[in-house]
């Protein structure tokens, strides 16, 4: 196993560091707080611009959530169009948020709540891109962007409560480094079909 930038071994979903802190007693780890949300928060706070923030999101989603296909869409001021500003692991031409998310679910995300499509995190062999999660990115009290997560890694069996806590950290903390300075990535308008 190799270590990632968050101090956990890749392939060690709960982090052996918790067991080590508990003196090697796996049952004692129940009382310890998971370090992932704090590590994610710290990484996002260290960002200096939009490019660095996108890289931090990629690291958090890949290493801590177990997903390597994602896209970030910025909402315009009227919430009527979406701009694909960044993607990782998927072809940008295939990213159309309107096609990925039904209108009622989109309202939930714009209102500031994460939306997890039924089945996301279940065994996904042969399922294509059916499993999805949508995380609102807040800036100045409003949803400024939507982070779309596609296909979990095969070893990730489900979205758990700690993953939802990471969604909340991304929602609250990623907006400031993404949108407080000048954009590093040129926005690409999504075309309506």
Protein backbone atom coordinates (compact mmCIF):
# COMPACT_ATOMS: atom_id res chain seq x y z
CA UNK A 1 0.00 0.00 0.00
CA UNK A 2 1.12 3.53 -0.71
CA UNK A 3 0.42 6.63 1.33
CA UNK A 4 -1.53 9.50 -0.11
CA UNK A 5 -1.36 13.20 0.81
CA UNK A 6 -3.90 12.72 3.59
CA UNK A 7 -1.81 10.23 5.56
CA UNK A 8 -3.94 7.17 4.80
CA UNK A 9 -2.88 4.19 2.79
CA UNK A 10 -4.58 3.77 -0.54
CA UNK A 11 -6.78 0.72 -0.26
CA UNK A 12 -7.28 1.30 3.48
CA UNK A 13 -10.78 2.81 3.49
CA UNK A 14 -10.98 3.59 7.19
CA UNK A 15 -7.38 4.65 7.60
CA UNK A 16 -5.00 2.53 9.66
CA UNK A 17 -3.97 5.73 11.40
CA UNK A 18 -7.15 5.44 13.50
CA UNK A 19 -6.17 1.98 14.73
CA UNK A 20 -2.64 3.17 15.46
CA UNK A 21 -3.95 6.11 17.53
CA UNK A 22 -6.07 3.67 19.51
CA UNK A 23 -3.01 1.65 20.49
CA UNK A 24 -3.71 -1.06 17.92
CA UNK A 25 -7.18 -1.78 19.33
CA UNK A 26 -9.66 -1.60 16.42
CA UNK A 27 -12.65 -1.37 18.80
CA UNK A 28 -11.19 1.72 20.48
CA UNK A 29 -11.35 3.56 17.14
CA UNK A 30 -15.11 3.98 17.54
CA UNK A 31 -14.43 6.79 20.03
CA UNK A 32 -11.96 8.61 17.76
CA UNK A 33 -13.06 11.27 15.31
CA UNK A 34 -12.37 10.53 11.66
CA UNK A 35 -9.55 12.82 10.41
CA UNK A 36 -10.86 13.03 6.83
CA UNK A 37 -13.13 16.10 7.19
CA UNK A 38 -10.41 18.09 8.96
CA UNK A 39 -7.85 17.07 6.32
CA UNK A 40 -10.24 18.13 3.56
CA UNK A 41 -11.01 21.44 5.29
CA UNK A 42 -7.30 22.15 5.76
CA UNK A 43 -6.48 21.34 2.13
CA UNK A 44 -9.22 23.65 0.84
CA UNK A 45 -8.12 26.48 3.16
CA UNK A 46 -4.59 26.26 1.71
CA UNK A 47 -5.80 26.94 -1.85
CA UNK A 48 -4.60 30.13 -3.49
CA UNK A 49 -6.65 30.20 -6.71
CA UNK A 50 -9.28 28.38 -8.73
CA UNK A 51 -6.81 25.95 -10.31
CA UNK A 52 -5.47 24.95 -6.89
CA UNK A 53 -9.03 24.60 -5.56
CA UNK A 54 -9.94 22.24 -8.42
CA UNK A 55 -6.85 20.17 -7.69
CA UNK A 56 -7.78 20.07 -3.99
CA UNK A 57 -11.30 18.92 -4.87
CA UNK A 58 -9.84 16.19 -7.07
CA UNK A 59 -7.55 15.02 -4.25
CA UNK A 60 -10.37 15.00 -1.70
CA UNK A 61 -12.85 13.24 -3.95
CA UNK A 62 -10.32 10.70 -5.25
CA UNK A 63 -8.45 9.94 -2.04
CA UNK A 64 -11.10 10.40 0.63
CA UNK A 65 -14.37 9.60 -1.16
CA UNK A 66 -13.12 7.00 -3.63
CA UNK A 67 -14.36 8.53 -6.89
CA UNK A 68 -12.21 9.48 -9.87
CA UNK A 69 -14.79 10.79 -12.31
CA UNK A 70 -16.11 14.27 -11.55
CA UNK A 71 -17.17 17.56 -13.09
CA UNK A 72 -17.72 21.05 -11.69
CA UNK A 73 -20.46 23.26 -13.14
CA UNK A 74 -20.80 26.93 -12.24
CA UNK A 75 -24.31 28.35 -12.02
CA UNK A 76 -24.97 31.70 -13.60
CA UNK A 77 -26.67 34.42 -11.55
CA UNK A 78 -30.13 33.41 -12.68
CA UNK A 79 -29.55 29.64 -12.25
CA UNK A 80 -30.73 29.01 -15.77
CA UNK A 81 -27.49 27.90 -17.40
CA UNK A 82 -24.55 25.84 -16.27
CA UNK A 83 -20.96 26.39 -17.24
CA UNK A 84 -18.61 23.43 -17.16
CA UNK A 85 -15.50 24.92 -15.56
CA UNK A 86 -13.55 21.75 -14.79
CA UNK A 87 -13.70 17.97 -15.05
CA UNK A 88 -11.51 15.01 -14.19
CA UNK A 89 -11.67 11.43 -15.44
CA UNK A 90 -14.45 12.08 -17.95
CA UNK A 91 -14.63 13.65 -21.38
CA UNK A 92 -15.81 17.28 -21.03
CA UNK A 93 -17.95 16.96 -24.16
CA UNK A 94 -20.08 14.32 -22.42
CA UNK A 95 -20.82 16.51 -19.38
CA UNK A 96 -24.29 17.99 -19.63
CA UNK A 97 -25.69 18.70 -16.18
CA UNK A 98 -29.25 19.06 -17.40
CA UNK A 99 -29.08 15.51 -18.76
CA UNK A 100 -27.48 14.17 -15.58
CA UNK A 101 -29.96 15.62 -13.14
CA UNK A 102 -33.74 15.78 -13.25
CA UNK A 103 -35.37 19.16 -12.67
CA UNK A 104 -36.83 18.37 -9.18
CA UNK A 105 -33.46 17.08 -8.00
CA UNK A 106 -31.74 20.12 -9.46
CA UNK A 107 -33.96 22.33 -7.29
CA UNK A 108 -32.76 20.42 -4.21
CA UNK A 109 -29.11 20.98 -5.15
CA UNK A 110 -29.60 24.66 -5.97
CA UNK A 111 -31.29 25.03 -2.56
CA UNK A 112 -28.00 23.86 -1.01
CA UNK A 113 -28.49 20.17 -0.26
CA UNK A 114 -26.44 17.30 -1.64
CA UNK A 115 -28.42 14.89 -3.80
CA UNK A 116 -27.40 11.26 -4.06
CA UNK A 117 -29.05 9.21 -6.80
CA UNK A 118 -30.43 5.88 -5.57
CA UNK A 119 -27.84 3.18 -6.07
CA UNK A 120 -24.78 5.43 -5.96
CA UNK A 121 -22.15 3.45 -4.13
CA UNK A 122 -23.70 0.06 -4.75
CA UNK A 123 -21.89 -2.46 -6.91
CA UNK A 124 -21.70 -0.73 -10.26
CA UNK A 125 -20.45 -3.39 -12.68
CA UNK A 126 -22.19 -2.94 -15.99
CA UNK A 127 -24.22 0.02 -14.75
CA UNK A 128 -22.55 2.70 -16.84
CA UNK A 129 -22.87 6.12 -15.27
CA UNK A 130 -26.10 5.49 -13.36
CA UNK A 131 -24.70 6.11 -9.90
CA UNK A 132 -24.23 9.81 -9.21
CA UNK A 133 -23.93 12.32 -6.42
CA UNK A 134 -24.41 16.07 -6.73
CA UNK A 135 -22.80 18.39 -4.20
CA UNK A 136 -23.73 22.08 -4.07
CA UNK A 137 -20.76 24.42 -3.71
CA UNK A 138 -21.73 27.43 -1.63
CA UNK A 139 -20.27 30.93 -1.98
CA UNK A 140 -21.58 33.98 -0.15
CA UNK A 141 -24.58 32.04 1.13
CA UNK A 142 -25.77 30.78 -2.25
CA UNK A 143 -25.12 27.77 -4.43
CA UNK A 144 -22.48 28.94 -6.89
CA UNK A 145 -21.61 25.58 -8.45
CA UNK A 146 -22.52 21.90 -8.53
CA UNK A 147 -19.90 19.17 -8.16
CA UNK A 148 -21.05 16.04 -9.98
CA UNK A 149 -19.50 12.72 -8.91
CA UNK A 150 -19.76 9.73 -11.24
CA UNK A 151 -18.84 6.09 -10.59
CA UNK A 152 -17.13 5.18 -7.34
CA UNK A 153 -13.95 3.11 -7.39
CA UNK A 154 -14.68 -0.67 -7.37
CA UNK A 155 -13.40 -1.10 -3.80
CA UNK A 156 -15.76 1.59 -2.49
CA UNK A 157 -18.95 -0.28 -1.61
CA UNK A 158 -21.20 2.52 -0.38
CA UNK A 159 -21.58 6.16 0.59
CA UNK A 160 -21.55 6.34 4.38
CA UNK A 161 -22.21 9.05 6.96
CA UNK A 162 -18.56 10.17 6.94
CA UNK A 163 -18.72 10.59 3.16
CA UNK A 164 -21.78 12.79 3.64
CA UNK A 165 -19.74 14.83 6.11
CA UNK A 166 -17.11 15.28 3.39
CA UNK A 167 -19.87 16.43 1.02
CA UNK A 168 -20.79 19.06 3.62
CA UNK A 169 -17.14 20.20 3.93
CA UNK A 170 -16.86 20.51 0.14
CA UNK A 171 -20.15 22.40 0.02
CA UNK A 172 -19.13 24.91 2.71
CA UNK A 173 -15.40 25.30 2.08
CA UNK A 174 -14.72 24.92 -1.67
CA UNK A 175 -16.60 28.03 -2.80
CA UNK A 176 -14.23 30.60 -1.37
CA UNK A 177 -11.06 29.42 -3.17
CA UNK A 178 -13.05 28.65 -6.32
CA UNK A 179 -14.80 31.99 -6.71
CA UNK A 180 -13.17 34.69 -4.59
CA UNK A 181 -10.34 35.40 -7.04
CA UNK A 182 -10.01 35.60 -10.78
CA UNK A 183 -10.83 32.32 -12.54
CA UNK A 184 -7.87 30.23 -13.65
CA UNK A 185 -9.93 28.08 -15.97
CA UNK A 186 -11.87 29.61 -18.84
CA UNK A 187 -15.55 28.87 -18.43
CA UNK A 188 -17.01 26.74 -21.17
CA UNK A 189 -20.72 27.26 -21.84
CA UNK A 190 -22.83 24.16 -21.99
CA UNK A 191 -24.92 24.01 -25.12
CA UNK A 192 -28.57 23.20 -24.84
CA UNK A 193 -29.84 20.56 -27.21
